[in-house]
Amino acid sequence: MLMKTLQQLRRMIVVVVGFTVLAIGVAMIVLPGPAFIVIPTGLTILAAEFVWARNLLKRMKDKMKRAPGEDIGRRNNDTRID
Protein backbone atom coordinates (compact mmCIF):
# COMPACT_ATOMS: atom_id res chain seq x y z
CA MET A 1 0.00 0.00 0.00
CA LEU A 2 2.74 2.45 0.93
CA MET A 3 4.76 1.62 -2.22
CA LYS A 4 1.77 2.31 -4.45
CA THR A 5 1.22 5.65 -2.75
CA LEU A 6 4.88 6.58 -3.17
CA GLN A 7 4.74 5.63 -6.85
CA GLN A 8 1.66 7.81 -7.30
CA LEU A 9 3.38 10.69 -5.50
CA ARG A 10 6.46 10.33 -7.72
CA ARG A 11 4.31 10.29 -10.84
CA MET A 12 2.43 13.38 -9.71
CA ILE A 13 5.70 15.23 -9.04
CA VAL A 14 7.05 14.24 -12.47
CA VAL A 15 3.85 15.44 -14.15
CA VAL A 16 3.75 18.78 -12.33
CA VAL A 17 7.45 19.52 -12.80
CA GLY A 18 7.45 18.33 -16.43
CA PHE A 19 4.44 20.37 -17.48
CA THR A 20 5.73 23.42 -15.61
CA VAL A 21 9.10 23.27 -17.37
CA LEU A 22 7.37 22.65 -20.70
CA ALA A 23 5.02 25.62 -20.18
CA ILE A 24 7.96 27.87 -19.30
CA GLY A 25 9.71 26.71 -22.47
CA VAL A 26 6.67 27.44 -24.61
CA ALA A 27 6.43 30.90 -23.02
CA MET A 28 10.09 31.44 -23.92
CA ILE A 29 9.19 31.17 -27.59
CA VAL A 30 7.84 34.73 -27.38
CA LEU A 31 9.71 35.84 -24.25
CA PRO A 32 13.47 36.11 -23.98
CA GLY A 33 15.05 32.83 -23.01
CA PRO A 34 16.45 29.57 -24.34
CA ALA A 35 13.21 27.86 -25.42
CA PHE A 36 15.17 25.39 -27.59
CA ILE A 37 16.76 24.05 -24.40
CA VAL A 38 13.86 24.29 -21.96
CA ILE A 39 11.20 22.61 -24.14
CA PRO A 40 13.22 19.41 -24.70
CA THR A 41 14.07 19.40 -20.98
CA GLY A 42 10.37 19.46 -20.11
CA LEU A 43 9.68 16.70 -22.62
CA THR A 44 12.52 14.63 -21.17
CA ILE A 45 11.00 14.90 -17.71
CA LEU A 46 7.56 13.96 -19.04
CA ALA A 47 9.02 11.09 -21.08
CA ALA A 48 9.70 9.29 -17.81
CA GLU A 49 5.95 8.74 -17.50
CA PHE A 50 4.30 9.31 -20.89
CA VAL A 51 4.80 7.55 -24.22
CA TRP A 52 3.51 10.56 -26.20
CA ALA A 53 6.26 12.72 -24.70
CA ARG A 54 8.86 10.07 -25.57
CA ASN A 55 7.61 9.96 -29.16
CA LEU A 56 7.55 13.74 -29.50
CA LEU A 57 11.05 14.02 -28.05
CA LYS A 58 12.29 11.36 -30.48
CA ARG A 59 10.77 13.23 -33.43
CA MET A 60 12.41 16.46 -32.28
CA LYS A 61 15.79 14.72 -31.96
CA ASP A 62 15.43 13.20 -35.43
CA LYS A 63 14.60 16.60 -36.95
CA MET A 64 17.55 18.23 -35.20
CA LYS A 65 19.91 15.57 -36.54
CA ARG A 66 18.59 15.97 -40.08
CA ALA A 67 18.26 19.76 -40.15
CA PRO A 68 21.88 20.82 -40.88
CA GLY A 69 22.24 18.59 -43.94
CA GLU A 70 18.96 19.36 -45.62
CA ASP A 71 18.48 22.10 -48.18
CA ILE A 72 14.74 21.72 -48.54
CA GLY A 73 13.15 25.03 -49.36
CA ARG A 74 16.43 26.85 -49.91
CA ARG A 75 17.37 28.58 -53.11
CA ASN A 76 20.41 27.53 -55.05
CA ASN A 77 22.71 30.55 -54.93
CA ASP A 78 25.30 29.04 -57.26
CA THR A 79 23.58 30.33 -60.37
CA ARG A 80 23.70 34.09 -60.65
CA ILE A 81 22.64 36.23 -63.55
CA ASP A 82 24.98 39.17 -64.10
PDB file of N, CA and C in Angstrom:
ATOM      1  N   MET A   1       0.827  -1.198   0.000  1.00  0.00           N
ATOM      2  CA  MET A   1       0.000   0.000   0.000  1.00  0.00           C
ATOM      3  C   MET A   1       0.870   1.261   0.000  1.00  0.00           C
ATOM      4  N   LEU A   2       1.873   1.285   0.839  1.00  0.00           N
ATOM      5  CA  LEU A   2       2.740   2.450   0.930  1.00  0.00           C
ATOM      6  C   LEU A   2       3.535   2.639  -0.367  1.00  0.00           C
ATOM      7  N   MET A   3       3.990   1.529  -0.971  1.00  0.00           N
ATOM      8  CA  MET A   3       4.760   1.616  -2.215  1.00  0.00           C
ATOM      9  C   MET A   3       3.911   2.193  -3.347  1.00  0.00           C
ATOM     10  N   LYS A   4       2.655   1.805  -3.414  1.00  0.00           N
ATOM     11  CA  LYS A   4       1.768   2.314  -4.448  1.00  0.00           C
ATOM     12  C   LYS A   4       1.554   3.815  -4.268  1.00  0.00           C
ATOM     13  N   THR A   5       1.405   4.236  -3.043  1.00  0.00           N
ATOM     14  CA  THR A   5       1.220   5.654  -2.751  1.00  0.00           C
ATOM     15  C   THR A   5       2.469   6.448  -3.111  1.00  0.00           C
ATOM     16  N   LEU A   6       3.643   5.902  -2.817  1.00  0.00           N
ATOM     17  CA  LEU A   6       4.885   6.579  -3.169  1.00  0.00           C
ATOM     18  C   LEU A   6       5.067   6.663  -4.686  1.00  0.00           C
ATOM     19  N   GLN A   7       4.656   5.618  -5.391  1.00  0.00           N
ATOM     20  CA  GLN A   7       4.737   5.633  -6.849  1.00  0.00           C
ATOM     21  C   GLN A   7       3.795   6.698  -7.427  1.00  0.00           C
ATOM     22  N   GLN A   8       2.614   6.795  -6.851  1.00  0.00           N
ATOM     23  CA  GLN A   8       1.661   7.808  -7.300  1.00  0.00           C
ATOM     24  C   GLN A   8       2.184   9.217  -7.016  1.00  0.00           C
ATOM     25  N   LEU A   9       2.803   9.397  -5.862  1.00  0.00           N
ATOM     26  CA  LEU A   9       3.377  10.688  -5.502  1.00  0.00           C
ATOM     27  C   LEU A   9       4.507  11.053  -6.473  1.00  0.00           C
ATOM     28  N   ARG A  10       5.365  10.087  -6.778  1.00  0.00           N
ATOM     29  CA  ARG A  10       6.456  10.326  -7.724  1.00  0.00           C
ATOM     30  C   ARG A  10       5.918  10.713  -9.088  1.00  0.00           C
ATOM     31  N   ARG A  11       4.900   9.989  -9.534  1.00  0.00           N
ATOM     32  CA  ARG A  11       4.314  10.288 -10.842  1.00  0.00           C
ATOM     33  C   ARG A  11       3.704  11.689 -10.857  1.00  0.00           C
ATOM     34  N   MET A  12       3.038  12.062  -9.788  1.00  0.00           N
ATOM     35  CA  MET A  12       2.427  13.380  -9.709  1.00  0.00           C
ATOM     36  C   MET A  12       3.501  14.474  -9.739  1.00  0.00           C
ATOM     37  N   ILE A  13       4.599  14.249  -9.041  1.00  0.00           N
ATOM     38  CA  ILE A  13       5.695  15.228  -9.035  1.00  0.00           C
ATOM     39  C   ILE A  13       6.297  15.353 -10.437  1.00  0.00           C
ATOM     40  N   VAL A  14       6.504  14.223 -11.102  1.00  0.00           N
ATOM     41  CA  VAL A  14       7.051  14.237 -12.465  1.00  0.00           C
ATOM     42  C   VAL A  14       6.115  15.001 -13.396  1.00  0.00           C
ATOM     43  N   VAL A  15       4.826  14.769 -13.284  1.00  0.00           N
ATOM     44  CA  VAL A  15       3.850  15.435 -14.148  1.00  0.00           C
ATOM     45  C   VAL A  15       3.848  16.941 -13.900  1.00  0.00           C
ATOM     46  N   VAL A  16       3.807  17.346 -12.653  1.00  0.00           N
ATOM     47  CA  VAL A  16       3.751  18.777 -12.332  1.00  0.00           C
ATOM     48  C   VAL A  16       5.035  19.478 -12.775  1.00  0.00           C
ATOM     49  N   VAL A  17       6.175  18.909 -12.433  1.00  0.00           N
ATOM     50  CA  VAL A  17       7.452  19.523 -12.802  1.00  0.00           C
ATOM     51  C   VAL A  17       7.616  19.529 -14.325  1.00  0.00           C
ATOM     52  N   GLY A  18       7.300  18.426 -14.976  1.00  0.00           N
ATOM     53  CA  GLY A  18       7.453  18.333 -16.429  1.00  0.00           C
ATOM     54  C   GLY A  18       6.594  19.334 -17.173  1.00  0.00           C
ATOM     55  N   PHE A  19       5.324  19.420 -16.811  1.00  0.00           N
ATOM     56  CA  PHE A  19       4.442  20.368 -17.485  1.00  0.00           C
ATOM     57  C   PHE A  19       4.811  21.813 -17.163  1.00  0.00           C
ATOM     58  N   THR A  20       5.300  22.068 -15.959  1.00  0.00           N
ATOM     59  CA  THR A  20       5.728  23.422 -15.608  1.00  0.00           C
ATOM     60  C   THR A  20       6.926  23.837 -16.451  1.00  0.00           C
ATOM     61  N   VAL A  21       7.916  22.965 -16.555  1.00  0.00           N
ATOM     62  CA  VAL A  21       9.099  23.270 -17.369  1.00  0.00           C
ATOM     63  C   VAL A  21       8.707  23.426 -18.835  1.00  0.00           C
ATOM     64  N   LEU A  22       7.823  22.561 -19.312  1.00  0.00           N
ATOM     65  CA  LEU A  22       7.370  22.647 -20.700  1.00  0.00           C
ATOM     66  C   LEU A  22       6.630  23.964 -20.947  1.00  0.00           C
ATOM     67  N   ALA A  23       5.767  24.363 -20.030  1.00  0.00           N
ATOM     68  CA  ALA A  23       5.020  25.622 -20.176  1.00  0.00           C
ATOM     69  C   ALA A  23       5.960  26.824 -20.166  1.00  0.00           C
ATOM     70  N   ILE A  24       6.975  26.786 -19.318  1.00  0.00           N
ATOM     71  CA  ILE A  24       7.961  27.874 -19.299  1.00  0.00           C
ATOM     72  C   ILE A  24       8.696  27.922 -20.634  1.00  0.00           C
ATOM     73  N   GLY A  25       9.039  26.764 -21.172  1.00  0.00           N
ATOM     74  CA  GLY A  25       9.713  26.715 -22.465  1.00  0.00           C
ATOM     75  C   GLY A  25       8.855  27.261 -23.590  1.00  0.00           C
ATOM     76  N   VAL A  26       7.575  26.922 -23.583  1.00  0.00           N
ATOM     77  CA  VAL A  26       6.666  27.440 -24.608  1.00  0.00           C
ATOM     78  C   VAL A  26       6.542  28.955 -24.473  1.00  0.00           C
ATOM     79  N   ALA A  27       6.485  29.456 -23.238  1.00  0.00           N
ATOM     80  CA  ALA A  27       6.433  30.899 -23.021  1.00  0.00           C
ATOM     81  C   ALA A  27       7.698  31.573 -23.535  1.00  0.00           C
ATOM     82  N   MET A  28       8.819  30.873 -23.461  1.00  0.00           N
ATOM     83  CA  MET A  28      10.086  31.444 -23.921  1.00  0.00           C
ATOM     84  C   MET A  28      10.175  31.548 -25.435  1.00  0.00           C
ATOM     85  N   ILE A  29       9.215  30.998 -26.138  1.00  0.00           N
ATOM     86  CA  ILE A  29       9.194  31.171 -27.591  1.00  0.00           C
ATOM     87  C   ILE A  29       8.972  32.647 -27.913  1.00  0.00           C
ATOM     88  N   VAL A  30       8.110  33.311 -27.141  1.00  0.00           N
ATOM     89  CA  VAL A  30       7.839  34.730 -27.380  1.00  0.00           C
ATOM     90  C   VAL A  30       8.557  35.626 -26.379  1.00  0.00           C
ATOM     91  N   LEU A  31       8.960  35.084 -25.254  1.00  0.00           N
ATOM     92  CA  LEU A  31       9.707  35.837 -24.255  1.00  0.00           C
ATOM     93  C   LEU A  31      11.188  35.533 -24.411  1.00  0.00           C
ATOM     94  N   PRO A  32      12.038  36.404 -23.880  1.00  0.00           N
ATOM     95  CA  PRO A  32      13.471  36.112 -23.981  1.00  0.00           C
ATOM     96  C   PRO A  32      13.856  34.897 -23.133  1.00  0.00           C
ATOM     97  N   GLY A  33      14.615  34.025 -23.727  1.00  0.00           N
ATOM     98  CA  GLY A  33      15.053  32.834 -23.012  1.00  0.00           C
ATOM     99  C   GLY A  33      15.355  31.705 -23.968  1.00  0.00           C
ATOM    100  N   PRO A  34      16.031  30.686 -23.483  1.00  0.00           N
ATOM    101  CA  PRO A  34      16.447  29.567 -24.337  1.00  0.00           C
ATOM    102  C   PRO A  34      15.357  28.498 -24.480  1.00  0.00           C
ATOM    103  N   ALA A  35      14.319  28.801 -25.244  1.00  0.00           N
ATOM    104  CA  ALA A  35      13.212  27.857 -25.422  1.00  0.00           C
ATOM    105  C   ALA A  35      13.681  26.547 -26.027  1.00  0.00           C
ATOM    106  N   PHE A  36      14.681  26.605 -26.921  1.00  0.00           N
ATOM    107  CA  PHE A  36      15.166  25.392 -27.589  1.00  0.00           C
ATOM    108  C   PHE A  36      15.877  24.448 -26.624  1.00  0.00           C
ATOM    109  N   ILE A  37      16.176  24.908 -25.421  1.00  0.00           N
ATOM    110  CA  ILE A  37      16.761  24.046 -24.395  1.00  0.00           C
ATOM    111  C   ILE A  37      15.698  23.624 -23.382  1.00  0.00           C
ATOM    112  N   VAL A  38      14.834  24.543 -23.018  1.00  0.00           N
ATOM    113  CA  VAL A  38      13.858  24.294 -21.957  1.00  0.00           C
ATOM    114  C   VAL A  38      12.748  23.347 -22.419  1.00  0.00           C
ATOM    115  N   ILE A  39      12.270  23.482 -23.642  1.00  0.00           N
ATOM    116  CA  ILE A  39      11.197  22.608 -24.135  1.00  0.00           C
ATOM    117  C   ILE A  39      11.638  21.144 -24.171  1.00  0.00           C
ATOM    118  N   PRO A  40      12.797  20.817 -24.754  1.00  0.00           N
ATOM    119  CA  PRO A  40      13.223  19.413 -24.696  1.00  0.00           C
ATOM    120  C   PRO A  40      13.469  18.911 -23.271  1.00  0.00           C
ATOM    121  N   THR A  41      13.881  19.803 -22.375  1.00  0.00           N
ATOM    122  CA  THR A  41      14.067  19.401 -20.980  1.00  0.00           C
ATOM    123  C   THR A  41      12.734  19.004 -20.361  1.00  0.00           C
ATOM    124  N   GLY A  42      11.698  19.794 -20.607  1.00  0.00           N
ATOM    125  CA  GLY A  42      10.369  19.461 -20.113  1.00  0.00           C
ATOM    126  C   GLY A  42       9.858  18.155 -20.693  1.00  0.00           C
ATOM    127  N   LEU A  43      10.097  17.957 -21.988  1.00  0.00           N
ATOM    128  CA  LEU A  43       9.679  16.699 -22.617  1.00  0.00           C
ATOM    129  C   LEU A  43      10.454  15.506 -22.064  1.00  0.00           C
ATOM    130  N   THR A  44      11.721  15.708 -21.752  1.00  0.00           N
ATOM    131  CA  THR A  44      12.524  14.632 -21.170  1.00  0.00           C
ATOM    132  C   THR A  44      11.972  14.224 -19.809  1.00  0.00           C
ATOM    133  N   ILE A  45      11.594  15.201 -19.016  1.00  0.00           N
ATOM    134  CA  ILE A  45      10.999  14.902 -17.709  1.00  0.00           C
ATOM    135  C   ILE A  45       9.681  14.150 -17.889  1.00  0.00           C
ATOM    136  N   LEU A  46       8.843  14.616 -18.807  1.00  0.00           N
ATOM    137  CA  LEU A  46       7.555  13.960 -19.041  1.00  0.00           C
ATOM    138  C   LEU A  46       7.714  12.581 -19.678  1.00  0.00           C
ATOM    139  N   ALA A  47       8.786  12.381 -20.423  1.00  0.00           N
ATOM    140  CA  ALA A  47       9.019  11.092 -21.081  1.00  0.00           C
ATOM    141  C   ALA A  47       9.246   9.969 -20.075  1.00  0.00           C
ATOM    142  N   ALA A  48       9.548  10.313 -18.847  1.00  0.00           N
ATOM    143  CA  ALA A  48       9.704   9.293 -17.809  1.00  0.00           C
ATOM    144  C   ALA A  48       8.368   8.614 -17.497  1.00  0.00           C
ATOM    145  N   GLU A  49       7.266   9.284 -17.818  1.00  0.00           N
ATOM    146  CA  GLU A  49       5.945   8.737 -17.497  1.00  0.00           C
ATOM    147  C   GLU A  49       5.031   8.551 -18.703  1.00  0.00           C
ATOM    148  N   PHE A  50       5.244   9.309 -19.782  1.00  0.00           N
ATOM    149  CA  PHE A  50       4.297   9.306 -20.890  1.00  0.00           C
ATOM    150  C   PHE A  50       4.952   8.904 -22.202  1.00  0.00           C
ATOM    151  N   VAL A  51       4.303   8.013 -22.926  1.00  0.00           N
ATOM    152  CA  VAL A  51       4.801   7.549 -24.219  1.00  0.00           C
ATOM    153  C   VAL A  51       4.716   8.670 -25.251  1.00  0.00           C
ATOM    154  N   TRP A  52       3.654   9.483 -25.223  1.00  0.00           N
ATOM    155  CA  TRP A  52       3.511  10.558 -26.204  1.00  0.00           C
ATOM    156  C   TRP A  52       4.663  11.554 -26.087  1.00  0.00           C
ATOM    157  N   ALA A  53       5.133  11.807 -24.878  1.00  0.00           N
ATOM    158  CA  ALA A  53       6.261  12.719 -24.696  1.00  0.00           C
ATOM    159  C   ALA A  53       7.542  12.091 -25.242  1.00  0.00           C
ATOM    160  N   ARG A  54       7.709  10.787 -25.030  1.00  0.00           N
ATOM    161  CA  ARG A  54       8.864  10.069 -25.574  1.00  0.00           C
ATOM    162  C   ARG A  54       8.880  10.147 -27.094  1.00  0.00           C
ATOM    163  N   ASN A  55       7.707   9.923 -27.698  1.00  0.00           N
ATOM    164  CA  ASN A  55       7.609   9.957 -29.158  1.00  0.00           C
ATOM    165  C   ASN A  55       7.877  11.354 -29.708  1.00  0.00           C
ATOM    166  N   LEU A  56       7.332  12.371 -29.057  1.00  0.00           N
ATOM    167  CA  LEU A  56       7.551  13.742 -29.498  1.00  0.00           C
ATOM    168  C   LEU A  56       9.014  14.142 -29.354  1.00  0.00           C
ATOM    169  N   LEU A  57       9.631  13.739 -28.268  1.00  0.00           N
ATOM    170  CA  LEU A  57      11.049  14.021 -28.055  1.00  0.00           C
ATOM    171  C   LEU A  57      11.908  13.327 -29.111  1.00  0.00           C
ATOM    172  N   LYS A  58      11.553  12.101 -29.453  1.00  0.00           N
ATOM    173  CA  LYS A  58      12.291  11.360 -30.482  1.00  0.00           C
ATOM    174  C   LYS A  58      12.168  12.053 -31.837  1.00  0.00           C
ATOM    175  N   ARG A  59      10.957  12.517 -32.163  1.00  0.00           N
ATOM    176  CA  ARG A  59      10.773  13.230 -33.426  1.00  0.00           C
ATOM    177  C   ARG A  59      11.591  14.516 -33.467  1.00  0.00           C
ATOM    178  N   MET A  60      11.626  15.232 -32.342  1.00  0.00           N
ATOM    179  CA  MET A  60      12.415  16.461 -32.280  1.00  0.00           C
ATOM    180  C   MET A  60      13.896  16.164 -32.468  1.00  0.00           C
ATOM    181  N   LYS A  61      14.379  15.099 -31.826  1.00  0.00           N
ATOM    182  CA  LYS A  61      15.789  14.724 -31.962  1.00  0.00           C
ATOM    183  C   LYS A  61      16.117  14.353 -33.405  1.00  0.00           C
ATOM    184  N   ASP A  62      15.210  13.599 -34.044  1.00  0.00           N
ATOM    185  CA  ASP A  62      15.433  13.204 -35.433  1.00  0.00           C
ATOM    186  C   ASP A  62      15.488  14.426 -36.346  1.00  0.00           C
ATOM    187  N   LYS A  63      14.602  15.394 -36.123  1.00  0.00           N
ATOM    188  CA  LYS A  63      14.605  16.599 -36.952  1.00  0.00           C
ATOM    189  C   LYS A  63      15.860  17.418 -36.723  1.00  0.00           C
ATOM    190  N   MET A  64      16.333  17.466 -35.492  1.00  0.00           N
ATOM    191  CA  MET A  64      17.546  18.230 -35.197  1.00  0.00           C
ATOM    192  C   MET A  64      18.774  17.580 -35.837  1.00  0.00           C
ATOM    193  N   LYS A  65      18.789  16.263 -35.902  1.00  0.00           N
ATOM    194  CA  LYS A  65      19.914  15.572 -36.536  1.00  0.00           C
ATOM    195  C   LYS A  65      19.909  15.783 -38.042  1.00  0.00           C
ATOM    196  N   ARG A  66      18.716  15.822 -38.636  1.00  0.00           N
ATOM    197  CA  ARG A  66      18.591  15.968 -40.077  1.00  0.00           C
ATOM    198  C   ARG A  66      18.753  17.400 -40.538  1.00  0.00           C
ATOM    199  N   ALA A  67      18.378  18.354 -39.739  1.00  0.00           N
ATOM    200  CA  ALA A  67      18.264  19.756 -40.147  1.00  0.00           C
ATOM    201  C   ALA A  67      19.515  20.337 -40.800  1.00  0.00           C
ATOM    202  N   PRO A  68      20.726  20.160 -40.261  1.00  0.00           N
ATOM    203  CA  PRO A  68      21.876  20.821 -40.879  1.00  0.00           C
ATOM    204  C   PRO A  68      22.188  20.350 -42.296  1.00  0.00           C
ATOM    205  N   GLY A  69      21.885  19.122 -42.632  1.00  0.00           N
ATOM    206  CA  GLY A  69      22.244  18.586 -43.936  1.00  0.00           C
ATOM    207  C   GLY A  69      21.202  18.786 -45.005  1.00  0.00           C
ATOM    208  N   GLU A  70      20.041  19.239 -44.653  1.00  0.00           N
ATOM    209  CA  GLU A  70      18.964  19.359 -45.623  1.00  0.00           C
ATOM    210  C   GLU A  70      18.906  20.754 -46.212  1.00  0.00           C
ATOM    211  N   ASP A  71      18.621  20.817 -47.495  1.00  0.00           N
ATOM    212  CA  ASP A  71      18.477  22.099 -48.176  1.00  0.00           C
ATOM    213  C   ASP A  71      17.061  22.267 -48.703  1.00  0.00           C
ATOM    214  N   ILE A  72      16.114  21.647 -48.074  1.00  0.00           N
ATOM    215  CA  ILE A  72      14.736  21.724 -48.540  1.00  0.00           C
ATOM    216  C   ILE A  72      14.235  23.152 -48.362  1.00  0.00           C
ATOM    217  N   GLY A  73      13.708  23.699 -49.428  1.00  0.00           N
ATOM    218  CA  GLY A  73      13.145  25.031 -49.363  1.00  0.00           C
ATOM    219  C   GLY A  73      14.157  26.151 -49.532  1.00  0.00           C
ATOM    220  N   ARG A  74      15.405  25.816 -49.718  1.00  0.00           N
ATOM    221  CA  ARG A  74      16.430  26.847 -49.906  1.00  0.00           C
ATOM    222  C   ARG A  74      16.673  27.059 -51.397  1.00  0.00           C
ATOM    223  N   ARG A  75      17.048  28.261 -51.727  1.00  0.00           N
ATOM    224  CA  ARG A  75      17.372  28.580 -53.112  1.00  0.00           C
ATOM    225  C   ARG A  75      18.812  28.181 -53.404  1.00  0.00           C
ATOM    226  N   ASN A  76      19.044  27.832 -54.618  1.00  0.00           N
ATOM    227  CA  ASN A  76      20.406  27.530 -55.049  1.00  0.00           C
ATOM    228  C   ASN A  76      21.078  28.829 -55.449  1.00  0.00           C
ATOM    229  N   ASN A  77      22.043  29.276 -54.685  1.00  0.00           N
ATOM    230  CA  ASN A  77      22.709  30.547 -54.931  1.00  0.00           C
ATOM    231  C   ASN A  77      23.913  30.426 -55.836  1.00  0.00           C
ATOM    232  N   ASP A  78      24.149  29.243 -56.383  1.00  0.00           N
ATOM    233  CA  ASP A  78      25.297  29.041 -57.262  1.00  0.00           C
ATOM    234  C   ASP A  78      25.080  29.651 -58.625  1.00  0.00           C
ATOM    235  N   THR A  79      23.858  29.796 -59.050  1.00  0.00           N
ATOM    236  CA  THR A  79      23.580  30.334 -60.368  1.00  0.00           C
ATOM    237  C   THR A  79      23.148  31.781 -60.238  1.00  0.00           C
ATOM    238  N   ARG A  80      24.013  32.683 -60.703  1.00  0.00           N
ATOM    239  CA  ARG A  80      23.699  34.091 -60.647  1.00  0.00           C
ATOM    240  C   ARG A  80      23.626  34.643 -62.070  1.00  0.00           C
ATOM    241  N   ILE A  81      22.751  35.566 -62.243  1.00  0.00           N
ATOM    242  CA  ILE A  81      22.638  36.230 -63.545  1.00  0.00           C
ATOM    243  C   ILE A  81      23.258  37.605 -63.390  1.00  0.00           C
ATOM    244  N   ASP A  82      24.294  37.864 -64.188  1.00  0.00           N
ATOM    245  CA  ASP A  82      24.981  39.170 -64.098  1.00  0.00           C
ATOM    246  C   ASP A  82      24.549  40.101 -65.182  1.00  0.00           C
TER     247      ASP A  82
END
